[in-house]
């Protein structure tokens, strides 16, 4: 919902309208949720009829309700969270549509209309309130179809702007007058490397061919995930994902044994191209199209052709592939 409610657990929120009564009214939706031992070991989450929570100061029950809403009868409801889900996705809910629209906007434009994206309140307005209202209405009309909403964003003129700054927008950081350079998320970057080299990553306990973006297990041991900022998912804060580039990331891309093995693998793209009858220019074109989704410029093609003069065919292809994987153009979304 994009609402920071923790402060209201003890006192009136200093920057918003929420009071302890609002906190305990909302928390009432989660009473009745408990654990029990599973037959196969461990525990499972179950739900039973809950009850209204008491106000810590008055000791009086606080009727369960959505944020800023009137209480609803819950006497015959087995799992109160079902009623919460109905309220959250209702077109009358003033929070959800704006919040998810703002989150998706931030995902593709690198900055939300409201920042931080989990701090939606009257005293922290959007940089463009009419736009956020229009996006929220569009989300509701689409019945919360996130793929359809994403299509709208990606089809917009704003998303398709160039990253190259001009004199008039060079200092702009919040009006979306140009596209930002964004680091690829850890999972996407790992998958991109696998796709480019032609060798899939092997994840312990997962079927062969599983992509990094399919790994839901936040405990998966992976140094790549660790240094490229994949969140451990121990909090609900979007800030848990690392988005800033670092020296460790650059050194890993240049020197990681795992990446080197993929580049030099006997069944990889470099080895396949070396065995082919393609010309040097055709090989360079395929490497650029695979890694950067474009043809090389004349200057780039001339530079890459020089690699074939200094070493054998396969080593030259491996060197070119390594160089492309370490370009800013490959590791950033732009």
C-alpha atoms as a PDB file:
ATOM      1  CA  UNK A   1       0.000   0.000   0.000  1.00  0.00           C
ATOM      2  CA  UNK A   2       3.024   2.280   0.144  1.00  0.00           C
ATOM      3  CA  UNK A   3       2.181   3.403   3.684  1.00  0.00           C
ATOM      4  CA  UNK A   4       4.674   3.535   6.537  1.00  0.00           C
ATOM      5  CA  UNK A   5       2.586   2.542   9.514  1.00  0.00           C
ATOM      6  CA  UNK A   6       5.205   1.442  12.057  1.00  0.00           C
ATOM      7  CA  UNK A   7       5.326   4.783  13.875  1.00  0.00           C
ATOM      8  CA  UNK A   8       1.607   4.610  14.595  1.00  0.00           C
ATOM      9  CA  UNK A   9       2.083   1.456  16.663  1.00  0.00           C
ATOM     10  CA  UNK A  10       3.086   3.605  19.633  1.00  0.00           C
ATOM     11  CA  UNK A  11       2.136   7.202  18.832  1.00  0.00           C
ATOM     12  CA  UNK A  12       0.583   9.494  16.257  1.00  0.00           C
ATOM     13  CA  UNK A  13       2.627   9.382  13.028  1.00  0.00           C
ATOM     14  CA  UNK A  14       4.746  12.572  12.916  1.00  0.00           C
ATOM     15  CA  UNK A  15       4.362  13.066   9.135  1.00  0.00           C
ATOM     16  CA  UNK A  16       1.035  11.410   8.364  1.00  0.00           C
ATOM     17  CA  UNK A  17      -2.505  11.092   9.696  1.00  0.00           C
ATOM     18  CA  UNK A  18      -2.198   7.600  11.185  1.00  0.00           C
ATOM     19  CA  UNK A  19      -2.818   6.980  14.887  1.00  0.00           C
ATOM     20  CA  UNK A  20      -2.420   3.859  17.061  1.00  0.00           C
ATOM     21  CA  UNK A  21      -6.111   3.097  16.518  1.00  0.00           C
ATOM     22  CA  UNK A  22      -5.457   2.920  12.752  1.00  0.00           C
ATOM     23  CA  UNK A  23      -2.489   0.625  13.302  1.00  0.00           C
ATOM     24  CA  UNK A  24      -4.382  -1.881  15.466  1.00  0.00           C
ATOM     25  CA  UNK A  25      -7.480  -1.719  13.268  1.00  0.00           C
ATOM     26  CA  UNK A  26      -5.376  -2.761  10.289  1.00  0.00           C
ATOM     27  CA  UNK A  27      -3.365  -5.348  12.255  1.00  0.00           C
ATOM     28  CA  UNK A  28      -6.653  -7.029  13.160  1.00  0.00           C
ATOM     29  CA  UNK A  29      -6.738  -8.541   9.668  1.00  0.00           C
ATOM     30  CA  UNK A  30      -3.799 -10.761  10.579  1.00  0.00           C
ATOM     31  CA  UNK A  31      -5.084 -12.183  13.850  1.00  0.00           C
ATOM     32  CA  UNK A  32      -5.797 -15.892  13.599  1.00  0.00           C
ATOM     33  CA  UNK A  33      -2.725 -16.502  11.450  1.00  0.00           C
ATOM     34  CA  UNK A  34      -0.501 -19.049  13.158  1.00  0.00           C
ATOM     35  CA  UNK A  35       1.897 -21.932  12.576  1.00  0.00           C
ATOM     36  CA  UNK A  36       1.637 -25.647  13.092  1.00  0.00           C
ATOM     37  CA  UNK A  37       4.043 -28.508  12.581  1.00  0.00           C
ATOM     38  CA  UNK A  38       3.948 -30.057   9.119  1.00  0.00           C
ATOM     39  CA  UNK A  39       3.745 -33.886   8.799  1.00  0.00           C
ATOM     40  CA  UNK A  40       6.973 -33.861   6.792  1.00  0.00           C
ATOM     41  CA  UNK A  41       8.783 -31.633   9.275  1.00  0.00           C
ATOM     42  CA  UNK A  42       9.113 -27.894   9.645  1.00  0.00           C
ATOM     43  CA  UNK A  43       5.993 -25.782   9.947  1.00  0.00           C
ATOM     44  CA  UNK A  44       3.159 -24.450   7.815  1.00  0.00           C
ATOM     45  CA  UNK A  45       1.061 -21.297   8.068  1.00  0.00           C
ATOM     46  CA  UNK A  46      -2.634 -21.777   8.843  1.00  0.00           C
ATOM     47  CA  UNK A  47      -5.498 -19.367   9.475  1.00  0.00           C
ATOM     48  CA  UNK A  48      -8.464 -19.544  11.815  1.00  0.00           C
ATOM     49  CA  UNK A  49     -11.082 -17.056  12.939  1.00  0.00           C
ATOM     50  CA  UNK A  50      -9.347 -13.979  14.301  1.00  0.00           C
ATOM     51  CA  UNK A  51     -10.412 -11.296  16.725  1.00  0.00           C
ATOM     52  CA  UNK A  52     -10.123  -7.555  17.113  1.00  0.00           C
ATOM     53  CA  UNK A  53      -6.980  -6.297  18.844  1.00  0.00           C
ATOM     54  CA  UNK A  54      -7.022  -4.125  21.935  1.00  0.00           C
ATOM     55  CA  UNK A  55      -5.717  -0.577  22.044  1.00  0.00           C
ATOM     56  CA  UNK A  56      -2.539  -0.665  24.211  1.00  0.00           C
ATOM     57  CA  UNK A  57      -3.548   2.455  26.153  1.00  0.00           C
ATOM     58  CA  UNK A  58      -7.309   2.022  26.600  1.00  0.00           C
ATOM     59  CA  UNK A  59      -7.385  -1.816  26.531  1.00  0.00           C
ATOM     60  CA  UNK A  60     -10.556  -1.518  24.450  1.00  0.00           C
ATOM     61  CA  UNK A  61     -10.998  -3.635  21.289  1.00  0.00           C
ATOM     62  CA  UNK A  62     -10.335  -1.740  18.056  1.00  0.00           C
ATOM     63  CA  UNK A  63     -12.695  -2.893  15.247  1.00  0.00           C
ATOM     64  CA  UNK A  64     -10.759  -4.247  12.294  1.00  0.00           C
ATOM     65  CA  UNK A  65     -10.766  -1.967   9.255  1.00  0.00           C
ATOM     66  CA  UNK A  66      -8.733  -0.927   6.236  1.00  0.00           C
ATOM     67  CA  UNK A  67      -6.650   2.226   6.466  1.00  0.00           C
ATOM     68  CA  UNK A  68      -9.003   5.175   6.816  1.00  0.00           C
ATOM     69  CA  UNK A  69     -12.034   2.915   6.289  1.00  0.00           C
ATOM     70  CA  UNK A  70     -15.043   2.078   8.446  1.00  0.00           C
ATOM     71  CA  UNK A  71     -15.024  -1.334  10.177  1.00  0.00           C
ATOM     72  CA  UNK A  72     -16.676  -4.306   8.474  1.00  0.00           C
ATOM     73  CA  UNK A  73     -18.327  -7.375  10.102  1.00  0.00           C
ATOM     74  CA  UNK A  74     -15.903 -10.292  10.338  1.00  0.00           C
ATOM     75  CA  UNK A  75     -17.678 -12.619  12.777  1.00  0.00           C
ATOM     76  CA  UNK A  76     -18.198 -15.443  10.283  1.00  0.00           C
ATOM     77  CA  UNK A  77     -14.975 -15.018   8.305  1.00  0.00           C
ATOM     78  CA  UNK A  78     -12.488 -17.871   8.664  1.00  0.00           C
ATOM     79  CA  UNK A  79      -9.486 -16.021   7.261  1.00  0.00           C
ATOM     80  CA  UNK A  80      -9.639 -12.255   7.654  1.00  0.00           C
ATOM     81  CA  UNK A  81      -6.930 -11.785   5.043  1.00  0.00           C
ATOM     82  CA  UNK A  82      -9.428 -12.675   2.295  1.00  0.00           C
ATOM     83  CA  UNK A  83     -11.442  -9.585   3.204  1.00  0.00           C
ATOM     84  CA  UNK A  84      -8.240  -7.550   3.283  1.00  0.00           C
ATOM     85  CA  UNK A  85      -7.390  -8.747  -0.239  1.00  0.00           C
ATOM     86  CA  UNK A  86     -10.840  -7.728  -1.485  1.00  0.00           C
ATOM     87  CA  UNK A  87     -10.406  -4.247  -0.024  1.00  0.00           C
ATOM     88  CA  UNK A  88      -6.850  -3.848  -1.311  1.00  0.00           C
ATOM     89  CA  UNK A  89      -7.822  -4.597  -4.923  1.00  0.00           C
ATOM     90  CA  UNK A  90     -11.077  -2.668  -4.856  1.00  0.00           C
ATOM     91  CA  UNK A  91     -11.305   0.280  -7.223  1.00  0.00           C
ATOM     92  CA  UNK A  92     -12.354   2.330  -4.204  1.00  0.00           C
ATOM     93  CA  UNK A  93      -9.068   1.662  -2.414  1.00  0.00           C
ATOM     94  CA  UNK A  94      -7.139   4.966  -2.521  1.00  0.00           C
ATOM     95  CA  UNK A  95      -3.705   3.354  -1.991  1.00  0.00           C
ATOM     96  CA  UNK A  96      -3.098   0.187  -3.976  1.00  0.00           C
ATOM     97  CA  UNK A  97      -3.505   1.373  -7.583  1.00  0.00           C
ATOM     98  CA  UNK A  98      -1.342   4.465  -6.976  1.00  0.00           C
ATOM     99  CA  UNK A  99       1.306   2.414  -5.185  1.00  0.00           C
ATOM    100  CA  UNK A 100       1.689  -0.358  -7.762  1.00  0.00           C
ATOM    101  CA  UNK A 101       1.596   2.189 -10.611  1.00  0.00           C
ATOM    102  CA  UNK A 102       4.352   4.167  -8.899  1.00  0.00           C
ATOM    103  CA  UNK A 103       6.438   1.032  -8.295  1.00  0.00           C
ATOM    104  CA  UNK A 104       6.239  -0.053 -11.924  1.00  0.00           C
ATOM    105  CA  UNK A 105       7.047   3.467 -13.071  1.00  0.00           C
ATOM    106  CA  UNK A 106      10.144   3.440 -10.830  1.00  0.00           C
ATOM    107  CA  UNK A 107      11.169   0.048 -12.209  1.00  0.00           C
ATOM    108  CA  UNK A 108      11.334   1.307 -15.779  1.00  0.00           C
ATOM    109  CA  UNK A 109      12.271   4.950 -15.272  1.00  0.00           C
ATOM    110  CA  UNK A 110      14.716   4.418 -12.385  1.00  0.00           C
ATOM    111  CA  UNK A 111      12.839   6.852 -10.154  1.00  0.00           C
ATOM    112  CA  UNK A 112       9.299   6.843  -8.863  1.00  0.00           C
ATOM    113  CA  UNK A 113       6.888   9.709  -9.254  1.00  0.00           C
ATOM    114  CA  UNK A 114       6.876   9.426  -5.451  1.00  0.00           C
ATOM    115  CA  UNK A 115      10.214   8.800  -3.737  1.00  0.00           C
ATOM    116  CA  UNK A 116      10.827   6.758  -1.674  1.00  0.00           C
ATOM    117  CA  UNK A 117       8.339   4.436  -3.375  1.00  0.00           C
ATOM    118  CA  UNK A 118       7.124   3.006  -0.041  1.00  0.00           C
ATOM    119  CA  UNK A 119       6.365   6.415   1.473  1.00  0.00           C
ATOM    120  CA  UNK A 120       3.079   7.533  -0.086  1.00  0.00           C
ATOM    121  CA  UNK A 121       1.582  10.380   1.959  1.00  0.00           C
ATOM    122  CA  UNK A 122       0.093  13.848   1.546  1.00  0.00           C
ATOM    123  CA  UNK A 123       3.285  15.490   2.797  1.00  0.00           C
ATOM    124  CA  UNK A 124       5.381  13.619   0.191  1.00  0.00           C
ATOM    125  CA  UNK A 125       3.544  14.373  -3.072  1.00  0.00           C
ATOM    126  CA  UNK A 126       4.427  13.032  -6.499  1.00  0.00           C
ATOM    127  CA  UNK A 127       6.573  15.134  -8.804  1.00  0.00           C
ATOM    128  CA  UNK A 128       3.602  14.982 -11.194  1.00  0.00           C
ATOM    129  CA  UNK A 129       0.340  14.355  -9.306  1.00  0.00           C
ATOM    130  CA  UNK A 130      -1.946  14.464 -12.390  1.00  0.00           C
ATOM    131  CA  UNK A 131       0.223  11.834 -14.086  1.00  0.00           C
ATOM    132  CA  UNK A 132       0.157   9.520 -11.071  1.00  0.00           C
ATOM    133  CA  UNK A 133      -3.633   9.910 -10.801  1.00  0.00           C
ATOM    134  CA  UNK A 134      -3.998   9.070 -14.498  1.00  0.00           C
ATOM    135  CA  UNK A 135      -1.747   6.011 -14.146  1.00  0.00           C
ATOM    136  CA  UNK A 136      -3.735   4.792 -11.123  1.00  0.00           C
ATOM    137  CA  UNK A 137      -7.009   5.186 -13.052  1.00  0.00           C
ATOM    138  CA  UNK A 138      -5.450   3.306 -15.984  1.00  0.00           C
ATOM    139  CA  UNK A 139      -4.384   0.491 -13.655  1.00  0.00           C
ATOM    140  CA  UNK A 140      -7.953   0.159 -12.367  1.00  0.00           C
ATOM    141  CA  UNK A 141      -9.421   0.184 -15.890  1.00  0.00           C
ATOM    142  CA  UNK A 142      -7.004  -2.598 -16.836  1.00  0.00           C
ATOM    143  CA  UNK A 143      -8.242  -4.576 -13.789  1.00  0.00           C
ATOM    144  CA  UNK A 144      -4.701  -4.638 -12.393  1.00  0.00           C
ATOM    145  CA  UNK A 145      -3.266  -6.428 -15.431  1.00  0.00           C
ATOM    146  CA  UNK A 146       0.423  -5.681 -14.803  1.00  0.00           C
ATOM    147  CA  UNK A 147       1.547  -6.881 -18.237  1.00  0.00           C
ATOM    148  CA  UNK A 148      -0.932  -4.599 -19.987  1.00  0.00           C
ATOM    149  CA  UNK A 149       0.111  -1.707 -17.748  1.00  0.00           C
ATOM    150  CA  UNK A 150       3.779  -2.397 -18.485  1.00  0.00           C
ATOM    151  CA  UNK A 151       3.003  -2.340 -22.214  1.00  0.00           C
ATOM    152  CA  UNK A 152       1.545   1.130 -21.769  1.00  0.00           C
ATOM    153  CA  UNK A 153       4.717   2.355 -20.055  1.00  0.00           C
ATOM    154  CA  UNK A 154       7.089   0.794 -22.582  1.00  0.00           C
ATOM    155  CA  UNK A 155       5.067   2.120 -25.517  1.00  0.00           C
ATOM    156  CA  UNK A 156       5.213   5.670 -24.213  1.00  0.00           C
ATOM    157  CA  UNK A 157       7.343   8.399 -25.754  1.00  0.00           C
ATOM    158  CA  UNK A 158       8.910   9.055 -22.359  1.00  0.00           C
ATOM    159  CA  UNK A 159      10.307   5.518 -22.064  1.00  0.00           C
ATOM    160  CA  UNK A 160      11.693   5.683 -25.595  1.00  0.00           C
ATOM    161  CA  UNK A 161      13.710   8.865 -25.029  1.00  0.00           C
ATOM    162  CA  UNK A 162      17.448   8.710 -25.644  1.00  0.00           C
ATOM    163  CA  UNK A 163      19.957   8.530 -22.822  1.00  0.00           C
ATOM    164  CA  UNK A 164      22.131  11.204 -24.422  1.00  0.00           C
ATOM    165  CA  UNK A 165      21.716  14.446 -22.424  1.00  0.00           C
ATOM    166  CA  UNK A 166      21.309  17.863 -23.968  1.00  0.00           C
ATOM    167  CA  UNK A 167      22.238  21.255 -22.586  1.00  0.00           C
ATOM    168  CA  UNK A 168      18.645  21.782 -21.431  1.00  0.00           C
ATOM    169  CA  UNK A 169      18.252  18.480 -19.544  1.00  0.00           C
ATOM    170  CA  UNK A 170      21.787  17.632 -18.462  1.00  0.00           C
ATOM    171  CA  UNK A 171      21.027  18.337 -14.790  1.00  0.00           C
ATOM    172  CA  UNK A 172      17.485  16.951 -14.757  1.00  0.00           C
ATOM    173  CA  UNK A 173      17.065  14.119 -12.249  1.00  0.00           C
ATOM    174  CA  UNK A 174      13.304  14.052 -11.702  1.00  0.00           C
ATOM    175  CA  UNK A 175      11.338  15.205 -14.757  1.00  0.00           C
ATOM    176  CA  UNK A 176      12.148  12.255 -17.051  1.00  0.00           C
ATOM    177  CA  UNK A 177      13.364  14.457 -19.908  1.00  0.00           C
ATOM    178  CA  UNK A 178      15.862  11.753 -20.928  1.00  0.00           C
ATOM    179  CA  UNK A 179      16.279   8.051 -20.320  1.00  0.00           C
ATOM    180  CA  UNK A 180      18.539   7.086 -17.419  1.00  0.00           C
ATOM    181  CA  UNK A 181      21.310   4.517 -17.516  1.00  0.00           C
ATOM    182  CA  UNK A 182      20.262   1.746 -15.116  1.00  0.00           C
ATOM    183  CA  UNK A 183      22.276  -1.199 -13.860  1.00  0.00           C
ATOM    184  CA  UNK A 184      20.770  -4.539 -14.796  1.00  0.00           C
ATOM    185  CA  UNK A 185      19.416  -6.473 -11.794  1.00  0.00           C
ATOM    186  CA  UNK A 186      21.707  -9.281 -10.665  1.00  0.00           C
ATOM    187  CA  UNK A 187      19.437 -12.037 -11.994  1.00  0.00           C
ATOM    188  CA  UNK A 188      18.990 -10.366 -15.392  1.00  0.00           C
ATOM    189  CA  UNK A 189      22.711  -9.724 -15.802  1.00  0.00           C
ATOM    190  CA  UNK A 190      23.584 -13.338 -14.985  1.00  0.00           C
ATOM    191  CA  UNK A 191      21.001 -14.613 -17.474  1.00  0.00           C
ATOM    192  CA  UNK A 192      22.292 -12.182 -20.101  1.00  0.00           C
ATOM    193  CA  UNK A 193      25.817 -13.497 -19.651  1.00  0.00           C
ATOM    194  CA  UNK A 194      24.617 -17.082 -19.992  1.00  0.00           C
ATOM    195  CA  UNK A 195      22.602 -16.265 -23.106  1.00  0.00           C
ATOM    196  CA  UNK A 196      25.525 -14.448 -24.709  1.00  0.00           C
ATOM    197  CA  UNK A 197      28.126 -17.145 -23.996  1.00  0.00           C
ATOM    198  CA  UNK A 198      25.681 -19.960 -24.787  1.00  0.00           C
ATOM    199  CA  UNK A 199      26.349 -21.760 -21.488  1.00  0.00           C
ATOM    200  CA  UNK A 200      23.631 -21.944 -18.830  1.00  0.00           C
ATOM    201  CA  UNK A 201      24.279 -21.423 -15.117  1.00  0.00           C
ATOM    202  CA  UNK A 202      23.894 -24.451 -12.850  1.00  0.00           C
ATOM    203  CA  UNK A 203      22.030 -23.804  -9.613  1.00  0.00           C
ATOM    204  CA  UNK A 204      22.361 -26.337  -6.836  1.00  0.00           C
ATOM    205  CA  UNK A 205      19.114 -28.279  -6.433  1.00  0.00           C
ATOM    206  CA  UNK A 206      17.422 -26.721  -9.461  1.00  0.00           C
ATOM    207  CA  UNK A 207      16.767 -28.389 -12.851  1.00  0.00           C
ATOM    208  CA  UNK A 208      19.248 -27.871 -15.650  1.00  0.00           C
ATOM    209  CA  UNK A 209      18.355 -24.845 -17.736  1.00  0.00           C
ATOM    210  CA  UNK A 210      16.741 -22.891 -14.887  1.00  0.00           C
ATOM    211  CA  UNK A 211      17.263 -19.164 -15.361  1.00  0.00           C
ATOM    212  CA  UNK A 212      18.392 -16.865 -12.571  1.00  0.00           C
ATOM    213  CA  UNK A 213      15.162 -14.846 -12.698  1.00  0.00           C
ATOM    214  CA  UNK A 214      13.260 -18.058 -11.868  1.00  0.00           C
ATOM    215  CA  UNK A 215      15.153 -18.650  -8.618  1.00  0.00           C
ATOM    216  CA  UNK A 216      12.831 -17.667  -5.785  1.00  0.00           C
ATOM    217  CA  UNK A 217      15.020 -19.096  -3.012  1.00  0.00           C
ATOM    218  CA  UNK A 218      16.685 -16.107  -1.331  1.00  0.00           C
ATOM    219  CA  UNK A 219      19.063 -18.509   0.467  1.00  0.00           C
ATOM    220  CA  UNK A 220      20.608 -19.702  -2.786  1.00  0.00           C
ATOM    221  CA  UNK A 221      24.409 -19.380  -2.269  1.00  0.00           C
ATOM    222  CA  UNK A 222      25.739 -17.272  -5.119  1.00  0.00           C
ATOM    223  CA  UNK A 223      28.655 -14.855  -5.007  1.00  0.00           C
ATOM    224  CA  UNK A 224      27.357 -13.262  -8.208  1.00  0.00           C
ATOM    225  CA  UNK A 225      23.992 -12.510  -6.579  1.00  0.00           C
ATOM    226  CA  UNK A 226      25.760 -11.179  -3.512  1.00  0.00           C
ATOM    227  CA  UNK A 227      28.040  -8.631  -5.169  1.00  0.00           C
ATOM    228  CA  UNK A 228      25.472  -7.497  -7.759  1.00  0.00           C
ATOM    229  CA  UNK A 229      22.901  -6.671  -5.111  1.00  0.00           C
ATOM    230  CA  UNK A 230      20.225  -9.360  -5.231  1.00  0.00           C
ATOM    231  CA  UNK A 231      18.182  -8.802  -2.049  1.00  0.00           C
ATOM    232  CA  UNK A 232      18.086 -11.412   0.685  1.00  0.00           C
ATOM    233  CA  UNK A 233      14.370 -10.567   1.180  1.00  0.00           C
ATOM    234  CA  UNK A 234      14.591 -10.217   4.931  1.00  0.00           C
ATOM    235  CA  UNK A 235      12.712  -6.894   4.879  1.00  0.00           C
ATOM    236  CA  UNK A 236       9.904  -5.411   2.772  1.00  0.00           C
ATOM    237  CA  UNK A 237      11.948  -2.320   1.872  1.00  0.00           C
ATOM    238  CA  UNK A 238      12.742  -1.830  -1.821  1.00  0.00           C
ATOM    239  CA  UNK A 239      16.087  -0.375  -0.721  1.00  0.00           C
ATOM    240  CA  UNK A 240      17.310  -3.891   0.053  1.00  0.00           C
ATOM    241  CA  UNK A 241      18.258  -4.446  -3.587  1.00  0.00           C
ATOM    242  CA  UNK A 242      21.641  -2.960  -4.430  1.00  0.00           C
ATOM    243  CA  UNK A 243      21.597  -0.751  -7.512  1.00  0.00           C
ATOM    244  CA  UNK A 244      24.909   1.081  -7.327  1.00  0.00           C
ATOM    245  CA  UNK A 245      27.858  -0.200  -9.420  1.00  0.00           C
ATOM    246  CA  UNK A 246      31.054  -1.055  -7.552  1.00  0.00           C
ATOM    247  CA  UNK A 247      34.691  -1.928  -8.096  1.00  0.00           C
ATOM    248  CA  UNK A 248      33.965  -5.489  -6.899  1.00  0.00           C
ATOM    249  CA  UNK A 249      31.441  -5.896  -9.702  1.00  0.00           C
ATOM    250  CA  UNK A 250      33.880  -4.663 -12.337  1.00  0.00           C
ATOM    251  CA  UNK A 251      36.644  -6.950 -11.061  1.00  0.00           C
ATOM    252  CA  UNK A 252      34.258  -9.911 -10.972  1.00  0.00           C
ATOM    253  CA  UNK A 253      33.192  -9.420 -14.588  1.00  0.00           C
ATOM    254  CA  UNK A 254      36.820  -9.151 -15.696  1.00  0.00           C
ATOM    255  CA  UNK A 255      38.312 -11.984 -13.635  1.00  0.00           C
ATOM    256  CA  UNK A 256      35.611 -14.392 -12.409  1.00  0.00           C
ATOM    257  CA  UNK A 257      36.596 -18.025 -13.177  1.00  0.00           C
ATOM    258  CA  UNK A 258      32.922 -18.909 -13.742  1.00  0.00           C
ATOM    259  CA  UNK A 259      32.577 -16.294 -16.501  1.00  0.00           C
ATOM    260  CA  UNK A 260      35.887 -17.328 -18.054  1.00  0.00           C
ATOM    261  CA  UNK A 261      34.735 -20.970 -18.130  1.00  0.00           C
ATOM    262  CA  UNK A 262      31.559 -19.985 -19.948  1.00  0.00           C
ATOM    263  CA  UNK A 263      33.488 -17.966 -22.529  1.00  0.00           C
ATOM    264  CA  UNK A 264      36.001 -20.780 -23.151  1.00  0.00           C
ATOM    265  CA  UNK A 265      33.562 -23.700 -22.892  1.00  0.00           C
ATOM    266  CA  UNK A 266      33.927 -26.222 -25.705  1.00  0.00           C
ATOM    267  CA  UNK A 267      30.175 -26.085 -26.324  1.00  0.00           C
ATOM    268  CA  UNK A 268      29.889 -22.330 -25.959  1.00  0.00           C
ATOM    269  CA  UNK A 269      29.252 -19.636 -28.538  1.00  0.00           C
ATOM    270  CA  UNK A 270      32.936 -18.787 -29.023  1.00  0.00           C
ATOM    271  CA  UNK A 271      33.891 -22.405 -29.748  1.00  0.00           C
ATOM    272  CA  UNK A 272      30.927 -22.852 -32.112  1.00  0.00           C
ATOM    273  CA  UNK A 273      31.812 -19.723 -34.081  1.00  0.00           C
ATOM    274  CA  UNK A 274      35.463 -20.760 -34.243  1.00  0.00           C
ATOM    275  CA  UNK A 275      34.437 -24.083 -35.812  1.00  0.00           C
ATOM    276  CA  UNK A 276      32.097 -22.412 -38.301  1.00  0.00           C
ATOM    277  CA  UNK A 277      32.952 -21.216 -41.799  1.00  0.00           C
ATOM    278  CA  UNK A 278      31.723 -17.688 -41.086  1.00  0.00           C
ATOM    279  CA  UNK A 279      33.948 -14.807 -42.070  1.00  0.00           C
ATOM    280  CA  UNK A 280      35.570 -12.622 -39.422  1.00  0.00           C
ATOM    281  CA  UNK A 281      33.115  -9.816 -40.136  1.00  0.00           C
ATOM    282  CA  UNK A 282      30.145 -12.180 -39.820  1.00  0.00           C
ATOM    283  CA  UNK A 283      31.463 -13.489 -36.492  1.00  0.00           C
ATOM    284  CA  UNK A 284      31.922  -9.968 -35.141  1.00  0.00           C
ATOM    285  CA  UNK A 285      28.380  -9.085 -36.251  1.00  0.00           C
ATOM    286  CA  UNK A 286      26.920 -12.108 -34.435  1.00  0.00           C
ATOM    287  CA  UNK A 287      28.819 -11.329 -31.235  1.00  0.00           C
ATOM    288  CA  UNK A 288      27.580  -7.709 -31.275  1.00  0.00           C
ATOM    289  CA  UNK A 289      23.996  -8.688 -32.063  1.00  0.00           C
ATOM    290  CA  UNK A 290      23.998 -11.335 -29.330  1.00  0.00           C
ATOM    291  CA  UNK A 291      25.536  -9.191 -26.613  1.00  0.00           C
ATOM    292  CA  UNK A 292      24.524  -5.604 -27.466  1.00  0.00           C
ATOM    293  CA  UNK A 293      21.559  -6.146 -29.831  1.00  0.00           C
ATOM    294  CA  UNK A 294      23.119  -4.014 -32.558  1.00  0.00           C
ATOM    295  CA  UNK A 295      25.646  -4.173 -35.371  1.00  0.00           C
ATOM    296  CA  UNK A 296      29.142  -2.821 -34.705  1.00  0.00           C
ATOM    297  CA  UNK A 297      30.158   0.519 -36.149  1.00  0.00           C
ATOM    298  CA  UNK A 298      32.833   0.588 -38.839  1.00  0.00           C
ATOM    299  CA  UNK A 299      35.366   1.752 -36.257  1.00  0.00           C
ATOM    300  CA  UNK A 300      34.402  -1.059 -33.836  1.00  0.00           C
ATOM    301  CA  UNK A 301      34.543  -3.684 -36.577  1.00  0.00           C
ATOM    302  CA  UNK A 302      38.018  -2.539 -37.609  1.00  0.00           C
ATOM    303  CA  UNK A 303      39.196  -2.685 -33.981  1.00  0.00           C
ATOM    304  CA  UNK A 304      37.766  -6.177 -33.414  1.00  0.00           C
ATOM    305  CA  UNK A 305      39.274  -7.492 -36.645  1.00  0.00           C
ATOM    306  CA  UNK A 306      42.698  -6.663 -35.246  1.00  0.00           C
ATOM    307  CA  UNK A 307      42.182  -9.361 -32.602  1.00  0.00           C
ATOM    308  CA  UNK A 308      42.419 -12.055 -35.288  1.00  0.00           C
ATOM    309  CA  UNK A 309      45.890 -10.832 -36.325  1.00  0.00           C
ATOM    310  CA  UNK A 310      47.488 -11.407 -32.941  1.00  0.00           C
ATOM    311  CA  UNK A 311      46.246 -14.895 -32.015  1.00  0.00           C
ATOM    312  CA  UNK A 312      44.386 -17.941 -33.308  1.00  0.00           C
ATOM    313  CA  UNK A 313      40.739 -17.788 -34.430  1.00  0.00           C
ATOM    314  CA  UNK A 314      39.114 -19.212 -31.290  1.00  0.00           C
ATOM    315  CA  UNK A 315      41.217 -17.167 -28.866  1.00  0.00           C
ATOM    316  CA  UNK A 316      40.384 -14.015 -30.843  1.00  0.00           C
ATOM    317  CA  UNK A 317      36.649 -14.731 -30.632  1.00  0.00           C
ATOM    318  CA  UNK A 318      36.928 -15.407 -26.901  1.00  0.00           C
ATOM    319  CA  UNK A 319      38.780 -12.124 -26.394  1.00  0.00           C
ATOM    320  CA  UNK A 320      36.128 -10.170 -28.302  1.00  0.00           C
ATOM    321  CA  UNK A 321      33.331 -11.840 -26.343  1.00  0.00           C
ATOM    322  CA  UNK A 322      35.084 -11.077 -23.043  1.00  0.00           C
ATOM    323  CA  UNK A 323      35.513  -7.431 -24.066  1.00  0.00           C
ATOM    324  CA  UNK A 324      31.822  -7.070 -24.967  1.00  0.00           C
ATOM    325  CA  UNK A 325      30.686  -8.627 -21.673  1.00  0.00           C
ATOM    326  CA  UNK A 326      32.697  -5.977 -19.845  1.00  0.00           C
ATOM    327  CA  UNK A 327      31.291  -2.967 -21.676  1.00  0.00           C
ATOM    328  CA  UNK A 328      29.019  -0.499 -19.937  1.00  0.00           C
ATOM    329  CA  UNK A 329      26.575  -1.021 -22.793  1.00  0.00           C
ATOM    330  CA  UNK A 330      26.179  -4.685 -21.827  1.00  0.00           C
ATOM    331  CA  UNK A 331      25.871  -4.279 -18.051  1.00  0.00           C
ATOM    332  CA  UNK A 332      23.450  -1.322 -18.138  1.00  0.00           C
ATOM    333  CA  UNK A 333      19.900  -0.865 -19.368  1.00  0.00           C
ATOM    334  CA  UNK A 334      19.905   2.241 -21.542  1.00  0.00           C
END
